[in-house]
Amino acid sequence: MNEIRLQIPRVLARYADGRTELWLAGATVGELLTHLRQERPELYRCVCDETGRVRTHINLFVNNDFLHQRDGLNTELTADDVVSVFQAVSGG
């Protein structure tokens, strides 16, 4: 199984021992999130809700592609891929 780089925003780094990058196994984005749940449950809860869906204020990208432009949680990953977590910003 591939080790994939997961980039997280600094505001969530406290749930990853201050790091903004983690390396996790996963053949798909869903598998990567399963490993995140096992290894960093507090960070996982910031990214996903209790049903396993990505929270509405969180955007995931695989390389430069918005996750929903690909195959969602079934998006396949390779060792070169980077999954990035972004918090949505809104206001007026």
N, C-alpha and C. Protein backbone atom coordinates (compact mmCIF):
# COMPACT_ATOMS: atom_id res chain seq x y z
N MET A 1 0.85 -1.18 0.00
CA MET A 1 0.00 0.00 0.00
C MET A 1 0.89 1.24 0.00
N ASN A 2 0.46 2.25 -0.72
CA ASN A 2 1.22 3.49 -0.85
C ASN A 2 1.20 4.31 0.42
N GLU A 3 2.31 4.99 0.68
CA GLU A 3 2.36 6.00 1.73
C GLU A 3 2.09 7.33 1.05
N ILE A 4 1.06 8.01 1.48
CA ILE A 4 0.60 9.24 0.85
C ILE A 4 0.84 10.41 1.80
N ARG A 5 1.29 11.53 1.23
CA ARG A 5 1.51 12.73 2.04
C ARG A 5 0.18 13.45 2.24
N LEU A 6 -0.17 13.71 3.48
CA LEU A 6 -1.37 14.46 3.84
C LEU A 6 -0.93 15.79 4.40
N GLN A 7 -1.31 16.87 3.74
CA GLN A 7 -0.99 18.21 4.22
C GLN A 7 -2.20 18.75 4.98
N ILE A 8 -1.92 19.30 6.15
CA ILE A 8 -3.01 19.83 6.98
C ILE A 8 -2.72 21.29 7.32
N PRO A 9 -3.75 22.09 7.50
CA PRO A 9 -3.52 23.49 7.84
C PRO A 9 -2.93 23.63 9.24
N ARG A 10 -2.18 24.70 9.41
CA ARG A 10 -1.50 24.93 10.69
C ARG A 10 -2.49 24.94 11.85
N VAL A 11 -3.69 25.45 11.63
CA VAL A 11 -4.67 25.52 12.72
C VAL A 11 -5.04 24.13 13.23
N LEU A 12 -4.90 23.09 12.42
CA LEU A 12 -5.19 21.72 12.85
C LEU A 12 -3.94 20.95 13.26
N ALA A 13 -2.78 21.58 13.15
CA ALA A 13 -1.52 20.88 13.45
C ALA A 13 -1.44 20.43 14.91
N ARG A 14 -2.15 21.08 15.79
CA ARG A 14 -2.12 20.67 17.20
C ARG A 14 -2.63 19.24 17.39
N TYR A 15 -3.41 18.75 16.43
CA TYR A 15 -3.91 17.37 16.49
C TYR A 15 -2.94 16.39 15.84
N ALA A 16 -1.79 16.91 15.38
CA ALA A 16 -0.78 16.07 14.73
C ALA A 16 0.60 16.37 15.31
N ASP A 17 0.65 16.60 16.62
CA ASP A 17 1.91 16.91 17.31
C ASP A 17 2.62 18.10 16.69
N GLY A 18 1.87 19.08 16.22
CA GLY A 18 2.43 20.29 15.67
C GLY A 18 2.87 20.20 14.22
N ARG A 19 2.68 19.05 13.62
CA ARG A 19 3.12 18.87 12.23
C ARG A 19 2.03 19.28 11.25
N THR A 20 2.45 19.76 10.09
CA THR A 20 1.51 20.12 9.04
C THR A 20 1.54 19.10 7.90
N GLU A 21 2.31 18.05 8.07
CA GLU A 21 2.35 16.95 7.10
C GLU A 21 2.38 15.62 7.83
N LEU A 22 1.60 14.70 7.34
CA LEU A 22 1.61 13.33 7.85
C LEU A 22 1.76 12.40 6.65
N TRP A 23 2.31 11.23 6.87
CA TRP A 23 2.39 10.19 5.84
C TRP A 23 1.51 9.05 6.29
N LEU A 24 0.52 8.72 5.46
CA LEU A 24 -0.44 7.68 5.80
C LEU A 24 -0.60 6.72 4.63
N ALA A 25 -0.92 5.48 4.96
CA ALA A 25 -1.18 4.48 3.92
C ALA A 25 -2.57 4.68 3.37
N GLY A 26 -2.73 4.32 2.11
CA GLY A 26 -4.06 4.37 1.50
C GLY A 26 -4.01 4.21 0.00
N ALA A 27 -4.80 3.30 -0.51
CA ALA A 27 -4.92 3.13 -1.96
C ALA A 27 -5.98 4.06 -2.52
N THR A 28 -6.87 4.54 -1.65
CA THR A 28 -7.90 5.51 -2.03
C THR A 28 -7.97 6.59 -0.94
N VAL A 29 -8.64 7.67 -1.23
CA VAL A 29 -8.81 8.72 -0.22
C VAL A 29 -9.57 8.16 0.98
N GLY A 30 -10.57 7.33 0.74
CA GLY A 30 -11.32 6.72 1.84
C GLY A 30 -10.43 5.89 2.75
N GLU A 31 -9.54 5.10 2.17
CA GLU A 31 -8.61 4.29 2.98
C GLU A 31 -7.65 5.18 3.75
N LEU A 32 -7.19 6.24 3.12
CA LEU A 32 -6.30 7.18 3.81
C LEU A 32 -7.01 7.77 5.03
N LEU A 33 -8.28 8.13 4.87
CA LEU A 33 -9.04 8.68 6.00
C LEU A 33 -9.29 7.63 7.08
N THR A 34 -9.44 6.38 6.69
CA THR A 34 -9.56 5.30 7.68
C THR A 34 -8.29 5.20 8.51
N HIS A 35 -7.14 5.29 7.86
CA HIS A 35 -5.88 5.26 8.60
C HIS A 35 -5.72 6.51 9.47
N LEU A 36 -6.19 7.65 8.98
CA LEU A 36 -6.15 8.86 9.79
C LEU A 36 -6.99 8.67 11.04
N ARG A 37 -8.17 8.07 10.91
CA ARG A 37 -9.04 7.81 12.07
C ARG A 37 -8.34 6.93 13.09
N GLN A 38 -7.60 5.94 12.63
CA GLN A 38 -6.90 5.02 13.52
C GLN A 38 -5.69 5.67 14.19
N GLU A 39 -4.96 6.49 13.44
CA GLU A 39 -3.70 7.05 13.95
C GLU A 39 -3.87 8.40 14.63
N ARG A 40 -4.81 9.21 14.17
CA ARG A 40 -5.02 10.55 14.71
C ARG A 40 -6.51 10.83 14.82
N PRO A 41 -7.19 10.17 15.78
CA PRO A 41 -8.66 10.29 15.86
C PRO A 41 -9.16 11.72 16.06
N GLU A 42 -8.43 12.53 16.80
CA GLU A 42 -8.90 13.91 17.01
C GLU A 42 -8.84 14.70 15.70
N LEU A 43 -7.78 14.52 14.94
CA LEU A 43 -7.67 15.19 13.65
C LEU A 43 -8.74 14.68 12.70
N TYR A 44 -8.95 13.38 12.71
CA TYR A 44 -10.00 12.78 11.86
C TYR A 44 -11.35 13.43 12.14
N ARG A 45 -11.68 13.63 13.42
CA ARG A 45 -12.97 14.24 13.77
C ARG A 45 -13.09 15.69 13.30
N CYS A 46 -11.96 16.35 13.11
CA CYS A 46 -11.98 17.70 12.55
C CYS A 46 -12.25 17.68 11.05
N VAL A 47 -11.87 16.59 10.39
CA VAL A 47 -12.00 16.47 8.94
C VAL A 47 -13.31 15.79 8.54
N CYS A 48 -13.72 14.77 9.28
CA CYS A 48 -14.90 13.97 8.93
C CYS A 48 -15.92 13.97 10.05
N ASP A 49 -17.18 13.85 9.69
CA ASP A 49 -18.23 13.78 10.69
C ASP A 49 -18.41 12.34 11.18
N GLU A 50 -19.40 12.12 12.03
CA GLU A 50 -19.61 10.80 12.63
C GLU A 50 -20.05 9.74 11.63
N THR A 51 -20.50 10.17 10.45
CA THR A 51 -20.88 9.20 9.41
C THR A 51 -19.73 8.87 8.47
N GLY A 52 -18.59 9.53 8.65
CA GLY A 52 -17.44 9.29 7.78
C GLY A 52 -17.36 10.22 6.59
N ARG A 53 -18.31 11.13 6.47
CA ARG A 53 -18.29 12.10 5.37
C ARG A 53 -17.37 13.26 5.72
N VAL A 54 -16.75 13.81 4.70
CA VAL A 54 -15.92 15.00 4.90
C VAL A 54 -16.84 16.14 5.34
N ARG A 55 -16.44 16.83 6.39
CA ARG A 55 -17.27 17.92 6.93
C ARG A 55 -17.49 19.00 5.87
N THR A 56 -18.63 19.68 5.97
CA THR A 56 -19.01 20.65 4.95
C THR A 56 -18.05 21.84 4.87
N HIS A 57 -17.38 22.17 5.95
CA HIS A 57 -16.46 23.31 5.94
C HIS A 57 -15.02 22.89 5.61
N ILE A 58 -14.83 21.63 5.23
CA ILE A 58 -13.51 21.11 4.87
C ILE A 58 -13.50 20.78 3.38
N ASN A 59 -12.45 21.17 2.70
CA ASN A 59 -12.25 20.81 1.30
C ASN A 59 -11.00 19.95 1.20
N LEU A 60 -11.09 18.85 0.49
CA LEU A 60 -9.95 17.99 0.25
C LEU A 60 -9.55 18.09 -1.21
N PHE A 61 -8.25 18.15 -1.43
CA PHE A 61 -7.70 18.17 -2.77
C PHE A 61 -6.73 17.01 -2.92
N VAL A 62 -6.73 16.40 -4.09
CA VAL A 62 -5.71 15.42 -4.45
C VAL A 62 -4.87 16.11 -5.51
N ASN A 63 -3.63 16.39 -5.15
CA ASN A 63 -2.77 17.23 -5.98
C ASN A 63 -3.49 18.57 -6.17
N ASN A 64 -3.83 18.96 -7.36
CA ASN A 64 -4.51 20.24 -7.57
C ASN A 64 -5.99 20.09 -7.86
N ASP A 65 -6.52 18.89 -7.70
CA ASP A 65 -7.91 18.62 -8.05
C ASP A 65 -8.79 18.54 -6.80
N PHE A 66 -9.89 19.29 -6.82
CA PHE A 66 -10.89 19.21 -5.76
C PHE A 66 -11.43 17.79 -5.74
N LEU A 67 -11.52 17.20 -4.58
CA LEU A 67 -11.91 15.79 -4.44
C LEU A 67 -13.20 15.48 -5.20
N HIS A 68 -14.15 16.40 -5.17
CA HIS A 68 -15.43 16.15 -5.83
C HIS A 68 -15.34 16.21 -7.36
N GLN A 69 -14.23 16.71 -7.88
CA GLN A 69 -14.02 16.71 -9.33
C GLN A 69 -13.46 15.37 -9.78
N ARG A 70 -13.09 14.57 -8.82
CA ARG A 70 -12.57 13.24 -9.12
C ARG A 70 -13.63 12.22 -8.70
N ASP A 71 -13.22 11.16 -8.04
CA ASP A 71 -14.15 10.09 -7.68
C ASP A 71 -14.47 10.09 -6.19
N GLY A 72 -14.46 11.25 -5.57
CA GLY A 72 -14.78 11.36 -4.14
C GLY A 72 -13.86 10.50 -3.30
N LEU A 73 -14.40 9.86 -2.29
CA LEU A 73 -13.60 9.02 -1.39
C LEU A 73 -13.04 7.79 -2.09
N ASN A 74 -13.57 7.46 -3.25
CA ASN A 74 -13.06 6.32 -4.02
C ASN A 74 -11.90 6.71 -4.94
N THR A 75 -11.47 7.95 -4.89
CA THR A 75 -10.36 8.40 -5.73
C THR A 75 -9.12 7.59 -5.39
N GLU A 76 -8.55 6.97 -6.41
CA GLU A 76 -7.35 6.16 -6.21
C GLU A 76 -6.13 7.05 -6.05
N LEU A 77 -5.20 6.59 -5.21
CA LEU A 77 -3.99 7.34 -4.91
C LEU A 77 -2.76 6.56 -5.32
N THR A 78 -1.73 7.30 -5.72
CA THR A 78 -0.42 6.71 -6.00
C THR A 78 0.60 7.37 -5.09
N ALA A 79 1.78 6.80 -5.04
CA ALA A 79 2.82 7.29 -4.13
C ALA A 79 3.19 8.75 -4.38
N ASP A 80 2.97 9.25 -5.58
CA ASP A 80 3.32 10.65 -5.90
C ASP A 80 2.26 11.64 -5.46
N ASP A 81 1.09 11.17 -5.07
CA ASP A 81 -0.02 12.06 -4.77
C ASP A 81 0.14 12.76 -3.42
N VAL A 82 -0.44 13.95 -3.36
CA VAL A 82 -0.51 14.72 -2.12
C VAL A 82 -1.98 15.03 -1.88
N VAL A 83 -2.46 14.70 -0.70
CA VAL A 83 -3.83 15.04 -0.30
C VAL A 83 -3.73 16.23 0.64
N SER A 84 -4.44 17.29 0.32
CA SER A 84 -4.40 18.52 1.12
C SER A 84 -5.75 18.80 1.73
N VAL A 85 -5.72 19.23 2.98
CA VAL A 85 -6.93 19.60 3.73
C VAL A 85 -6.98 21.12 3.79
N PHE A 86 -8.09 21.69 3.38
CA PHE A 86 -8.30 23.13 3.46
C PHE A 86 -9.60 23.38 4.20
N GLN A 87 -9.57 24.39 5.07
CA GLN A 87 -10.80 24.80 5.72
C GLN A 87 -11.45 25.87 4.86
N ALA A 88 -12.73 25.72 4.62
CA ALA A 88 -13.46 26.70 3.82
C ALA A 88 -13.52 28.02 4.57
N VAL A 89 -13.46 29.10 3.82
CA VAL A 89 -13.53 30.43 4.39
C VAL A 89 -14.75 31.11 3.78
N SER A 90 -15.53 31.73 4.65
CA SER A 90 -16.70 32.45 4.14
C SER A 90 -16.87 33.74 4.92
N GLY A 91 -17.67 34.55 4.45
CA GLY A 91 -17.92 35.81 5.13
C GLY A 91 -18.45 36.83 4.15
N GLY A 92 -18.59 38.01 4.62
CA GLY A 92 -19.15 39.02 3.72
C GLY A 92 -18.56 40.36 3.95
